[in-house]
Protein backbone atom coordinates (compact mmCIF):
# COMPACT_ATOMS: atom_id res chain seq x y z
CA MET A 1 -28.29 8.90 11.69
CA HIS A 2 -26.50 9.51 14.92
CA ARG A 3 -29.02 9.85 17.68
CA LYS A 4 -27.83 13.06 19.25
CA LEU A 5 -30.51 13.08 21.93
CA LEU A 6 -28.83 10.15 23.65
CA ALA A 7 -25.35 11.60 23.31
CA ALA A 8 -25.09 13.02 26.82
CA GLY A 9 -25.60 9.65 28.44
CA VAL A 10 -23.22 8.00 26.04
CA ILE A 11 -20.54 10.59 26.70
CA ALA A 12 -20.78 10.05 30.42
CA ALA A 13 -20.40 6.30 30.06
CA ALA A 14 -17.58 6.64 27.58
CA LEU A 15 -15.66 9.04 29.81
CA VAL A 16 -15.55 6.36 32.47
CA LEU A 17 -13.97 4.03 29.95
CA ALA A 18 -11.62 6.68 28.66
CA SER A 19 -10.41 7.44 32.19
CA CYS A 20 -9.03 3.92 32.40
CA SER A 21 -6.90 4.40 29.30
CA SER A 22 -3.77 6.45 28.94
CA SER A 23 -3.91 10.11 28.12
CA THR A 24 -3.11 11.17 24.59
CA ASP A 25 -1.93 14.49 23.21
CA GLU A 26 -4.17 14.92 20.17
CA ALA A 27 -3.78 17.45 17.40
CA ALA A 28 -7.07 18.02 15.61
CA THR A 29 -7.34 18.46 11.87
CA ASP A 30 -10.19 19.98 9.93
CA SER A 31 -12.24 17.99 7.46
CA THR A 32 -10.01 18.87 4.52
CA ALA A 33 -6.75 17.99 6.24
CA ALA A 34 -5.22 14.65 5.61
CA ALA A 35 -4.29 13.65 9.08
CA SER A 36 -4.67 14.01 12.73
CA GLU A 37 -2.58 12.39 15.23
CA ALA A 38 -1.74 9.55 16.94
CA ALA A 39 -1.51 6.30 18.43
CA PRO A 40 -0.03 4.69 21.45
CA ALA A 41 3.71 4.29 21.28
CA GLU A 42 3.42 1.62 23.95
CA SER A 43 0.61 -0.68 24.93
CA THR A 44 -1.00 1.87 27.23
CA GLU A 45 0.27 5.24 26.06
CA ALA A 46 -0.34 7.20 22.90
CA ALA A 47 2.30 9.17 21.04
CA PRO A 48 2.05 11.60 18.12
CA ALA A 49 1.73 9.94 14.75
CA GLU A 50 3.10 11.00 11.40
CA GLU A 51 0.71 13.07 9.35
CA ALA A 52 -0.81 11.53 6.23
CA PRO A 53 -0.50 13.27 2.87
CA ALA A 54 -2.86 16.23 2.57
CA GLU A 55 -5.84 15.90 0.28
CA GLU A 56 -7.62 18.99 -0.95
CA ALA A 57 -11.39 19.13 -0.88
CA PRO A 58 -13.19 19.32 -4.23
CA ALA A 59 -14.04 22.86 -5.29
CA ASP A 60 -17.76 22.11 -5.05
CA ALA A 61 -17.55 20.37 -1.65
CA ALA A 62 -19.88 21.48 1.11
CA PRO A 63 -18.38 24.09 3.43
CA ALA A 64 -16.69 22.70 6.52
CA LEU A 65 -19.29 23.18 9.25
CA THR A 66 -17.58 21.04 11.87
CA THR A 67 -14.09 22.40 12.49
CA ASP A 68 -13.09 20.29 15.50
CA ASP A 69 -14.40 17.63 17.88
CA SER A 70 -15.12 19.89 20.83
CA ASN A 71 -18.89 19.42 20.45
CA CYS A 72 -19.59 16.34 18.31
CA ALA A 73 -22.85 15.77 20.21
CA ALA A 74 -24.40 18.91 18.74
CA PRO A 75 -26.99 18.05 16.04
CA GLU A 76 -25.37 20.37 13.51
CA ASN A 77 -21.93 18.76 13.87
CA PHE A 78 -20.76 15.56 12.17
CA CYS A 79 -17.61 13.83 13.46
CA ILE A 80 -15.83 10.91 11.80
CA GLY A 81 -13.09 8.94 13.56
CA LEU A 82 -10.82 6.26 12.13
CA VAL A 83 -8.65 3.77 14.04
CA THR A 84 -6.01 1.90 12.05
CA ASP A 85 -4.92 -1.63 12.66
CA THR A 86 -1.26 -2.04 13.60
CA GLY A 87 0.28 -0.01 10.81
CA LYS A 88 0.53 3.53 9.55
CA VAL A 89 -2.35 5.51 8.09
CA ASP A 90 -0.13 6.29 5.10
CA ASP A 91 0.65 2.62 4.37
CA LYS A 92 -0.11 3.18 0.65
CA SER A 93 -2.67 0.38 1.01
CA PHE A 94 -5.77 -0.44 3.05
CA ASN A 95 -5.33 1.95 6.00
CA GLN A 96 -4.67 4.86 3.65
CA SER A 97 -7.56 3.98 1.35
CA ALA A 98 -10.02 3.83 4.25
CA TRP A 99 -8.71 7.16 5.58
CA GLU A 100 -9.11 8.76 2.16
CA GLY A 101 -12.71 7.52 2.16
CA ALA A 102 -13.30 9.12 5.56
CA GLN A 103 -11.82 12.38 4.30
CA GLU A 104 -14.00 12.31 1.20
CA ALA A 105 -17.11 11.83 3.33
CA ALA A 106 -16.04 14.71 5.55
CA ASN A 107 -15.62 16.95 2.52
CA VAL A 108 -19.05 16.05 1.18
CA THR A 109 -20.88 16.47 4.49
CA GLY A 110 -18.97 19.43 5.90
CA GLY A 111 -17.87 17.17 8.74
CA PHE A 112 -14.69 16.71 10.72
CA ALA A 113 -12.40 13.67 10.33
CA LYS A 114 -9.56 12.46 12.52
CA PHE A 115 -7.49 9.27 12.82
CA ILE A 116 -5.60 7.35 15.48
CA GLU A 117 -2.84 4.88 14.56
CA THR A 118 -2.64 1.68 16.56
CA THR A 119 0.77 0.25 17.40
CA ASP A 120 -0.30 -2.48 19.83
CA PRO A 121 -3.46 -4.61 19.47
CA LYS A 122 -4.10 -4.24 23.21
CA ASP A 123 -4.98 -0.60 22.51
CA TYR A 124 -7.84 -1.19 20.07
CA LEU A 125 -10.58 -0.45 22.61
CA ASN A 126 -8.71 2.45 24.22
CA ASN A 127 -8.20 4.06 20.83
CA ILE A 128 -11.86 3.63 19.89
CA ALA A 129 -12.83 5.10 23.29
CA GLN A 130 -11.00 8.32 22.44
CA PHE A 131 -13.72 8.87 19.81
CA THR A 132 -16.75 7.48 21.65
CA SER A 133 -15.93 9.64 24.67
CA LYS A 134 -16.41 12.69 22.45
CA ALA A 135 -19.66 11.41 20.89
CA TYR A 136 -18.30 10.91 17.36
CA ASP A 137 -21.04 10.06 14.89
CA VAL A 138 -19.15 7.42 12.89
CA ILE A 139 -16.04 5.42 13.78
CA VAL A 140 -14.17 3.43 11.13
CA THR A 141 -12.05 0.54 12.43
CA VAL A 142 -9.66 -0.85 9.85
CA GLY A 143 -8.69 -4.49 9.62
CA PHE A 144 -9.93 -8.00 10.41
CA LEU A 145 -7.99 -8.11 13.67
CA MET A 146 -10.10 -5.25 15.07
CA GLY A 147 -13.31 -7.24 14.68
CA GLU A 148 -13.86 -8.20 18.32
CA ALA A 149 -13.06 -4.70 19.59
CA SER A 150 -15.48 -3.21 17.04
CA ILE A 151 -18.31 -5.48 18.19
CA GLU A 152 -17.68 -4.70 21.85
CA ALA A 153 -17.52 -0.95 21.23
CA ALA A 154 -20.62 -0.95 19.03
CA LYS A 155 -22.69 -2.77 21.64
CA ALA A 156 -21.48 -0.40 24.35
CA ASN A 157 -22.16 2.70 22.21
CA PRO A 158 -25.46 2.15 20.36
CA THR A 159 -25.75 5.82 19.29
CA THR A 160 -22.48 5.66 17.32
CA ASN A 161 -22.28 3.99 13.92
CA PHE A 162 -19.25 1.78 13.28
CA VAL A 163 -17.73 0.75 9.93
CA GLY A 164 -15.58 -2.38 10.32
CA VAL A 165 -13.30 -2.63 7.28
CA ASP A 166 -12.59 -6.28 6.38
CA GLN A 167 -14.74 -7.41 9.32
CA PHE A 168 -17.44 -9.91 8.36
CA GLN A 169 -20.38 -9.77 10.76
CA GLY A 170 -21.83 -13.13 11.75
CA GLU A 171 -24.37 -11.45 14.02
CA ALA A 172 -26.08 -8.34 12.71
CA ILE A 173 -25.71 -5.32 15.01
CA PRO A 174 -27.74 -2.29 13.82
CA ASN A 175 -24.94 0.24 14.38
CA LEU A 176 -22.06 -1.89 13.01
CA THR A 177 -21.54 -2.60 9.31
CA GLY A 178 -18.76 -4.87 8.08
CA LEU A 179 -17.25 -3.56 4.84
CA VAL A 180 -16.18 -6.77 3.13
CA PHE A 181 -14.89 -7.64 -0.32
CA PRO A 182 -14.59 -10.72 -2.57
CA GLU A 183 -10.78 -10.59 -2.49
CA ASP A 184 -10.57 -13.99 -4.15
CA LYS A 185 -12.10 -12.48 -7.30
CA ALA A 186 -9.57 -9.64 -7.47
CA GLY A 187 -6.74 -12.09 -6.78
CA TYR A 188 -8.08 -14.50 -9.42
CA ALA A 189 -8.21 -11.79 -12.10
CA ALA A 190 -4.65 -10.69 -11.26
CA GLY A 191 -3.47 -14.30 -11.30
CA TYR A 192 -5.15 -14.98 -14.64
CA LEU A 193 -3.28 -12.03 -16.13
CA ALA A 194 -0.02 -13.26 -14.60
CA GLY A 195 -0.59 -16.78 -15.92
CA LEU A 196 -0.98 -15.46 -19.45
CA MET A 197 1.98 -13.07 -19.22
CA THR A 198 4.65 -15.29 -17.63
CA LYS A 199 7.53 -16.46 -19.80
CA THR A 200 9.26 -18.62 -17.19
CA ASN A 201 6.10 -20.36 -15.90
CA LYS A 202 7.26 -19.41 -12.42
CA LEU A 203 5.21 -16.93 -10.46
CA GLY A 204 5.32 -15.71 -6.87
CA ALA A 205 3.40 -13.92 -4.16
CA VAL A 206 4.67 -12.16 -1.03
CA LEU A 207 1.78 -11.65 1.37
CA GLY A 208 0.78 -10.61 4.87
CA THR A 209 -0.38 -13.23 7.36
CA ASP A 210 -2.73 -16.00 6.24
CA THR A 211 -4.47 -15.76 9.63
CA VAL A 212 -6.29 -12.73 8.17
CA PRO A 213 -8.97 -14.11 5.78
CA PRO A 214 -8.85 -11.26 3.21
CA VAL A 215 -5.10 -11.81 2.75
CA LYS A 216 -5.53 -15.53 2.26
CA LEU A 217 -8.40 -14.93 -0.17
CA PHE A 218 -6.12 -12.69 -2.22
CA GLY A 219 -3.36 -15.30 -2.22
CA GLU A 220 -5.49 -18.35 -2.95
CA GLY A 221 -7.50 -16.46 -5.55
CA TYR A 222 -4.26 -15.41 -7.25
CA LYS A 223 -3.02 -18.99 -7.37
CA ALA A 224 -6.36 -20.26 -8.74
CA GLY A 225 -6.33 -17.61 -11.45
CA VAL A 226 -2.77 -18.43 -12.50
CA LEU A 227 -3.54 -22.12 -12.85
CA ALA A 228 -6.80 -21.48 -14.69
CA ALA A 229 -4.91 -19.49 -17.31
CA ASN A 230 -1.78 -21.64 -17.33
CA PRO A 231 -1.98 -25.12 -15.79
CA GLU A 232 1.76 -25.62 -16.38
CA ALA A 233 2.73 -22.71 -14.15
CA ASP A 234 4.40 -23.10 -10.76
CA VAL A 235 3.18 -20.65 -8.09
CA THR A 236 5.18 -19.92 -4.93
CA ILE A 237 3.26 -18.15 -2.16
CA VAL A 238 4.81 -17.00 1.12
CA TYR A 239 2.90 -15.53 4.07
CA HIS A 240 4.41 -13.45 6.86
CA GLU A 241 4.07 -14.67 10.43
CA PRO A 242 1.19 -12.95 12.28
CA ASN A 243 3.42 -10.61 14.30
CA ASN A 244 4.08 -7.33 12.44
CA ALA A 245 2.65 -8.89 9.29
CA PHE A 246 1.74 -5.63 7.57
CA ASN A 247 4.67 -3.40 8.44
CA ASP A 248 7.77 -5.39 7.53
CA PRO A 249 9.04 -4.10 4.17
CA GLU A 250 12.50 -5.60 4.75
CA TRP A 251 11.01 -9.10 4.94
CA GLY A 252 8.88 -8.39 1.88
CA ALA A 253 11.91 -7.24 -0.09
CA ALA A 254 13.99 -10.26 0.96
CA GLU A 255 11.25 -12.73 -0.01
CA ALA A 256 10.72 -11.04 -3.37
CA LYS A 257 14.45 -11.14 -4.05
CA LYS A 258 14.47 -14.85 -3.22
CA GLN A 259 11.60 -15.58 -5.60
CA LEU A 260 13.29 -13.59 -8.36
CA SER A 261 16.43 -15.66 -7.89
CA GLN A 262 14.32 -18.79 -8.31
CA GLY A 263 13.08 -17.62 -11.71
CA ALA A 264 9.77 -15.94 -10.91
CA ASP A 265 9.05 -13.25 -13.48
CA ILE A 266 5.77 -11.94 -11.99
CA ILE A 267 5.24 -11.47 -8.24
CA PHE A 268 2.11 -10.36 -6.36
CA GLY A 269 2.80 -8.21 -3.29
CA ALA A 270 -0.09 -7.88 -0.82
CA GLY A 271 0.14 -6.85 2.81
CA GLY A 272 0.49 -3.14 3.56
CA ASN A 273 4.09 -2.00 3.89
CA THR A 274 5.24 -5.64 3.80
CA GLY A 275 3.86 -6.07 0.29
CA ASN A 276 5.15 -2.63 -0.68
CA GLY A 277 8.67 -3.73 0.22
CA ALA A 278 8.32 -6.61 -2.24
CA LEU A 279 7.09 -4.33 -5.04
CA ILE A 280 9.93 -1.85 -4.59
CA GLU A 281 12.51 -4.64 -4.63
CA ILE A 282 11.09 -6.10 -7.84
CA ALA A 283 11.26 -2.68 -9.51
CA LYS A 284 15.05 -2.74 -8.98
CA ALA A 285 15.51 -6.02 -10.83
CA PRO A 286 17.12 -6.10 -14.29
CA GLY A 287 14.35 -6.30 -16.87
CA ALA A 288 11.72 -4.71 -14.61
CA GLY A 289 8.83 -3.57 -16.77
CA GLU A 290 10.03 -5.61 -19.73
CA THR A 291 10.46 -9.22 -18.61
CA ILE A 292 9.98 -8.87 -14.83
CA PHE A 293 6.71 -7.56 -13.36
CA CYS A 294 4.96 -6.95 -10.06
CA ILE A 295 1.29 -6.74 -9.08
CA GLY A 296 0.02 -4.44 -6.32
CA VAL A 297 -3.00 -4.67 -4.05
CA ASP A 298 -5.99 -2.88 -2.48
CA THR A 299 -5.64 0.41 -4.40
CA ASP A 300 -3.98 1.48 -7.64
CA GLN A 301 -0.42 1.32 -6.34
CA PHE A 302 0.95 3.05 -9.44
CA PHE A 303 0.04 6.22 -7.55
CA THR A 304 0.61 5.17 -3.94
CA VAL A 305 3.94 3.37 -4.46
CA PRO A 306 5.63 5.31 -7.27
CA GLN A 307 8.91 3.46 -6.62
CA ALA A 308 7.18 0.37 -8.07
CA GLN A 309 5.90 2.01 -11.25
CA LYS A 310 8.66 0.50 -13.36
CA CYS A 311 7.51 -3.08 -12.74
CA LEU A 312 3.82 -2.61 -11.95
CA LEU A 313 1.62 -4.66 -14.27
CA THR A 314 -1.62 -3.85 -12.42
CA SER A 315 -3.08 -3.87 -8.91
CA ALA A 316 -5.76 -6.18 -7.50
CA GLU A 317 -8.06 -3.48 -6.20
CA LYS A 318 -10.56 -3.35 -3.39
CA LYS A 319 -12.59 -0.17 -3.72
CA LEU A 320 -11.93 0.68 -0.07
CA LYS A 321 -12.12 4.43 -0.44
CA GLN A 322 -15.46 4.24 -2.20
CA GLY A 323 -16.93 1.70 0.22
CA THR A 324 -15.83 3.59 3.32
CA ALA A 325 -17.18 6.90 2.02
CA ASP A 326 -20.48 5.33 0.95
CA LEU A 327 -21.14 3.87 4.41
CA ILE A 328 -20.27 7.11 6.21
CA LEU A 329 -22.63 9.03 3.92
CA ALA A 330 -25.34 6.42 4.60
CA ALA A 331 -24.87 7.04 8.32
CA LYS A 332 -25.22 10.79 7.79
CA ASP A 333 -28.42 10.23 5.82
CA GLY A 334 -29.93 7.94 8.45
CA ALA A 335 -29.68 4.90 6.17
CA PHE A 336 -26.86 2.96 7.87
CA PRO A 337 -27.42 -0.70 6.92
CA GLY A 338 -25.85 -2.72 9.73
CA GLY A 339 -24.74 -6.30 9.05
CA ASN A 340 -22.47 -6.60 6.01
CA PHE A 341 -21.88 -4.38 2.99
CA LEU A 342 -20.17 -5.94 -0.03
CA GLY A 343 -17.68 -3.60 -1.69
CA ASN A 344 -16.41 -3.74 -5.26
CA THR A 345 -13.13 -5.18 -6.57
CA GLY A 346 -11.30 -5.01 -9.88
CA LEU A 347 -7.96 -4.53 -11.62
CA ALA A 348 -6.20 -1.18 -11.93
CA PRO A 349 -5.13 0.17 -15.36
CA TYR A 350 -1.89 -1.09 -16.89
CA HIS A 351 -0.32 2.38 -16.99
CA ASN A 352 3.35 2.05 -18.09
CA THR A 353 2.91 -1.60 -19.10
CA GLU A 354 -0.03 -0.87 -21.43
CA ALA A 355 2.08 -1.54 -24.52
CA VAL A 356 3.66 -4.67 -23.03
CA VAL A 357 0.36 -6.52 -22.54
CA PRO A 358 -0.85 -8.01 -25.84
CA ASP A 359 -4.36 -7.12 -26.97
CA ASP A 360 -5.50 -10.75 -26.88
CA VAL A 361 -4.38 -11.02 -23.24
CA LYS A 362 -6.30 -7.87 -22.37
CA SER A 363 -9.41 -9.31 -24.03
CA GLN A 364 -9.12 -12.60 -22.15
CA VAL A 365 -8.64 -10.84 -18.81
CA ASP A 366 -11.61 -8.56 -19.50
CA ALA A 367 -13.75 -11.62 -20.19
CA VAL A 368 -12.64 -13.22 -16.92
CA ILE A 369 -13.44 -10.07 -14.95
CA ALA A 370 -16.90 -10.00 -16.54
CA GLY A 371 -17.42 -13.68 -15.73
CA LEU A 372 -16.42 -13.16 -12.12
CA ALA A 373 -18.86 -10.27 -11.88
CA ASP A 374 -21.86 -12.11 -13.33
CA GLY A 375 -21.09 -15.38 -11.53
CA SER A 376 -20.39 -17.46 -14.63
CA ILE A 377 -16.80 -17.90 -13.40
CA GLU A 378 -16.13 -19.07 -9.85
CA THR A 379 -12.75 -18.95 -8.17
CA GLY A 380 -13.22 -22.21 -6.29
CA VAL A 381 -11.53 -20.65 -3.24
CA THR A 382 -12.81 -21.50 0.21
CA LEU A 383 -11.28 -20.87 3.63
CA GLY A 384 -12.84 -23.84 5.37
């Protein structure tokens, strides 16, 4: 639990740090609102961000006790901050899922939640400092690329608990927990399904940068699953260059279109808005949902990317919302684990393609998912 008694000293130190960063006009939201505000428009200045979709609190949720961040240091208040990686909080993927988890935790605890969108990696620490300077109890930092900034901020602010999404911790720090996932298993299950469903024996994947381990685990797991189900299949995988890897839907659409022209009939799109661009392009193809399919990532993208519903076979899910909420609640209860916390993965329902997937394929995929869970099936994927 956040050690409020040390908050005054922490605030003083954090204000020194915050004074070195650019000022930001911030619009607070309450714990049941979907969004707050914003991120730097340039490397040293913050500009208002777009609001995320509103999410209503459950009818039986605890009453909102913390209505703003004017006094987060008070023992009765509970403040949750979230800093995105370079990308929007409503990316229909990992940023959005983590934010929804923060909102859920705020609803349950009667806390206050707010986000900041990062547009330039140089602003990671400045954005985090906007929360530490106000003595936030928990700060969620989203994305592998924020790992170093999260470690530095956690060491400098020992009374604040940090959740690092997709950030494996080599050194355990008591107030920093890396929320990590076996992405290779989710990718493998999706690939196994694709390998059984393909008619052309040509499959594709349009992904974010392979310099981010979770993305590469998804991609290599997908390829391994395809080949395990169908050794005769040909898998084409393309990764975006590191710059703007998760917010380039035009590139994603162009690469998907190229793979379709080469005969791919099932394509995996994974990489925030970049992957979303691929999914939406595939949904426009003749035969989408009948002979041409797409596979989403991170969350059930049937709901987050409705433009892709026509082609969406399934999504390789990371239970990001659940994992983020669980860790925030652990912090509130004084049971924050530190180190690493392994989240769950799986495949989303078939939805509109339920009737297209044969029963024997469903049974085989279910068996593979069970084998991955109990360890009797290994993906064989390593990043060494």
